[in-house]
Amino acid sequence: MEQYVLFLILGILAIVLGVAIKRKRMEIFINFVLRLAAGAVGIYLLNTILAMASIQTLVGFNMTNVLVVGVLGLPGFALLYGLGFYFTL
């Protein structure tokens, strides 16, 4: 089941990238890639800081979470950590 979800996410990503390139809106593609990279770095750094503070790591560093941050940006980042804190309570 997890493989199907991953393939679905990758399919949606391919469609979004195809539409962005077809419409010659490279700024959409560049914005997405920059949010993806910044989100990956942000998740990694916050997990490292929380681990140094002896707080259980709340958000896993995986492709799904990075794609959520890439699509939603900062609200997606806050959503992931908000859900992580909520489910640890």
C-alpha atoms as a PDB file:
ATOM      1  CA  MET A   1       0.000   0.000   0.000  1.00  0.00           C
ATOM      2  CA  GLU A   2       2.834   2.393   0.823  1.00  0.00           C
ATOM      3  CA  GLN A   3       4.337   1.833  -2.617  1.00  0.00           C
ATOM      4  CA  TYR A   4       1.067   2.861  -4.268  1.00  0.00           C
ATOM      5  CA  VAL A   5       0.981   6.081  -2.252  1.00  0.00           C
ATOM      6  CA  LEU A   6       4.570   6.848  -3.234  1.00  0.00           C
ATOM      7  CA  PHE A   7       3.819   6.183  -6.900  1.00  0.00           C
ATOM      8  CA  LEU A   8       0.713   8.366  -6.661  1.00  0.00           C
ATOM      9  CA  ILE A   9       2.749  11.226  -5.180  1.00  0.00           C
ATOM     10  CA  LEU A  10       5.435  10.826  -7.846  1.00  0.00           C
ATOM     11  CA  GLY A  11       2.749  10.762 -10.556  1.00  0.00           C
ATOM     12  CA  ILE A  12       1.176  13.956  -9.262  1.00  0.00           C
ATOM     13  CA  LEU A  13       4.624  15.526  -9.081  1.00  0.00           C
ATOM     14  CA  ALA A  14       5.311  14.562 -12.705  1.00  0.00           C
ATOM     15  CA  ILE A  15       1.983  16.053 -13.815  1.00  0.00           C
ATOM     16  CA  VAL A  16       2.644  19.303 -11.950  1.00  0.00           C
ATOM     17  CA  LEU A  17       6.128  19.567 -13.412  1.00  0.00           C
ATOM     18  CA  GLY A  18       4.835  18.784 -16.889  1.00  0.00           C
ATOM     19  CA  VAL A  19       2.177  21.478 -16.688  1.00  0.00           C
ATOM     20  CA  ALA A  20       4.685  23.981 -15.328  1.00  0.00           C
ATOM     21  CA  ILE A  21       7.146  23.303 -18.128  1.00  0.00           C
ATOM     22  CA  LYS A  22       4.452  23.196 -20.815  1.00  0.00           C
ATOM     23  CA  ARG A  23       3.143  26.606 -19.824  1.00  0.00           C
ATOM     24  CA  LYS A  24       6.694  27.930 -19.833  1.00  0.00           C
ATOM     25  CA  ARG A  25       6.375  28.985 -16.247  1.00  0.00           C
ATOM     26  CA  MET A  26       9.770  27.981 -15.039  1.00  0.00           C
ATOM     27  CA  GLU A  27       9.315  30.161 -11.951  1.00  0.00           C
ATOM     28  CA  ILE A  28       6.757  27.642 -10.660  1.00  0.00           C
ATOM     29  CA  PHE A  29       9.248  24.831 -11.136  1.00  0.00           C
ATOM     30  CA  ILE A  30      12.120  26.787  -9.585  1.00  0.00           C
ATOM     31  CA  ASN A  31       9.940  27.853  -6.658  1.00  0.00           C
ATOM     32  CA  PHE A  32       8.915  24.235  -6.049  1.00  0.00           C
ATOM     33  CA  VAL A  33      12.499  22.974  -6.167  1.00  0.00           C
ATOM     34  CA  LEU A  34      13.692  25.710  -3.796  1.00  0.00           C
ATOM     35  CA  ARG A  35      10.879  24.956  -1.331  1.00  0.00           C
ATOM     36  CA  LEU A  36      11.714  21.263  -1.588  1.00  0.00           C
ATOM     37  CA  ALA A  37      15.386  21.889  -0.771  1.00  0.00           C
ATOM     38  CA  ALA A  38      14.641  24.383   2.001  1.00  0.00           C
ATOM     39  CA  GLY A  39      12.065  22.036   3.505  1.00  0.00           C
ATOM     40  CA  ALA A  40      14.500  19.114   3.512  1.00  0.00           C
ATOM     41  CA  VAL A  41      17.168  21.220   5.212  1.00  0.00           C
ATOM     42  CA  GLY A  42      14.621  22.612   7.679  1.00  0.00           C
ATOM     43  CA  ILE A  43      13.326  19.181   8.680  1.00  0.00           C
ATOM     44  CA  TYR A  44      16.852  17.867   9.106  1.00  0.00           C
ATOM     45  CA  LEU A  45      18.020  20.846  11.174  1.00  0.00           C
ATOM     46  CA  LEU A  46      14.964  20.948  13.426  1.00  0.00           C
ATOM     47  CA  ASN A  47      15.173  17.192  14.011  1.00  0.00           C
ATOM     48  CA  THR A  48      18.861  17.605  14.919  1.00  0.00           C
ATOM     49  CA  ILE A  49      18.124  20.474  17.298  1.00  0.00           C
ATOM     50  CA  LEU A  50      15.305  18.539  18.949  1.00  0.00           C
ATOM     51  CA  ALA A  51      17.542  15.465  19.299  1.00  0.00           C
ATOM     52  CA  MET A  52      20.267  17.579  20.966  1.00  0.00           C
ATOM     53  CA  ALA A  53      17.641  18.887  23.394  1.00  0.00           C
ATOM     54  CA  SER A  54      16.695  15.265  24.226  1.00  0.00           C
ATOM     55  CA  ILE A  55      13.287  15.653  22.631  1.00  0.00           C
ATOM     56  CA  GLN A  56      11.997  12.709  20.634  1.00  0.00           C
ATOM     57  CA  THR A  57      12.255  13.332  16.894  1.00  0.00           C
ATOM     58  CA  LEU A  58       8.732  14.100  15.800  1.00  0.00           C
ATOM     59  CA  VAL A  59       8.897  14.240  12.010  1.00  0.00           C
ATOM     60  CA  GLY A  60      10.617  11.641   9.897  1.00  0.00           C
ATOM     61  CA  PHE A  61      12.965  12.682   7.137  1.00  0.00           C
ATOM     62  CA  ASN A  62      11.397  10.965   4.138  1.00  0.00           C
ATOM     63  CA  MET A  63      10.225  11.757   0.637  1.00  0.00           C
ATOM     64  CA  THR A  64       6.577  12.198   1.606  1.00  0.00           C
ATOM     65  CA  ASN A  65       7.316  14.835   4.230  1.00  0.00           C
ATOM     66  CA  VAL A  66       9.729  16.673   1.938  1.00  0.00           C
ATOM     67  CA  LEU A  67       7.090  16.706  -0.821  1.00  0.00           C
ATOM     68  CA  VAL A  68       4.484  18.061   1.623  1.00  0.00           C
ATOM     69  CA  VAL A  69       6.824  20.929   2.484  1.00  0.00           C
ATOM     70  CA  GLY A  70       7.689  21.399  -1.196  1.00  0.00           C
ATOM     71  CA  VAL A  71       4.042  21.742  -2.199  1.00  0.00           C
ATOM     72  CA  LEU A  72       2.722  23.681   0.813  1.00  0.00           C
ATOM     73  CA  GLY A  73       5.848  25.598   1.848  1.00  0.00           C
ATOM     74  CA  LEU A  74       6.129  26.984   5.380  1.00  0.00           C
ATOM     75  CA  PRO A  75       2.523  26.099   6.302  1.00  0.00           C
ATOM     76  CA  GLY A  76       3.310  22.485   5.358  1.00  0.00           C
ATOM     77  CA  PHE A  77       6.384  22.562   7.586  1.00  0.00           C
ATOM     78  CA  ALA A  78       4.307  23.876  10.478  1.00  0.00           C
ATOM     79  CA  LEU A  79       1.607  21.296   9.718  1.00  0.00           C
ATOM     80  CA  LEU A  80       4.052  18.388   9.930  1.00  0.00           C
ATOM     81  CA  TYR A  81       5.477  19.483  13.267  1.00  0.00           C
ATOM     82  CA  GLY A  82       2.055  20.418  14.607  1.00  0.00           C
ATOM     83  CA  LEU A  83       0.763  16.940  13.794  1.00  0.00           C
ATOM     84  CA  GLY A  84       3.906  15.432  15.288  1.00  0.00           C
ATOM     85  CA  PHE A  85       3.377  17.266  18.583  1.00  0.00           C
ATOM     86  CA  TYR A  86      -0.325  16.455  18.569  1.00  0.00           C
ATOM     87  CA  PHE A  87       0.202  12.721  18.136  1.00  0.00           C
ATOM     88  CA  THR A  88       2.854  12.540  20.872  1.00  0.00           C
ATOM     89  CA  LEU A  89       0.439  13.900  23.457  1.00  0.00           C
END
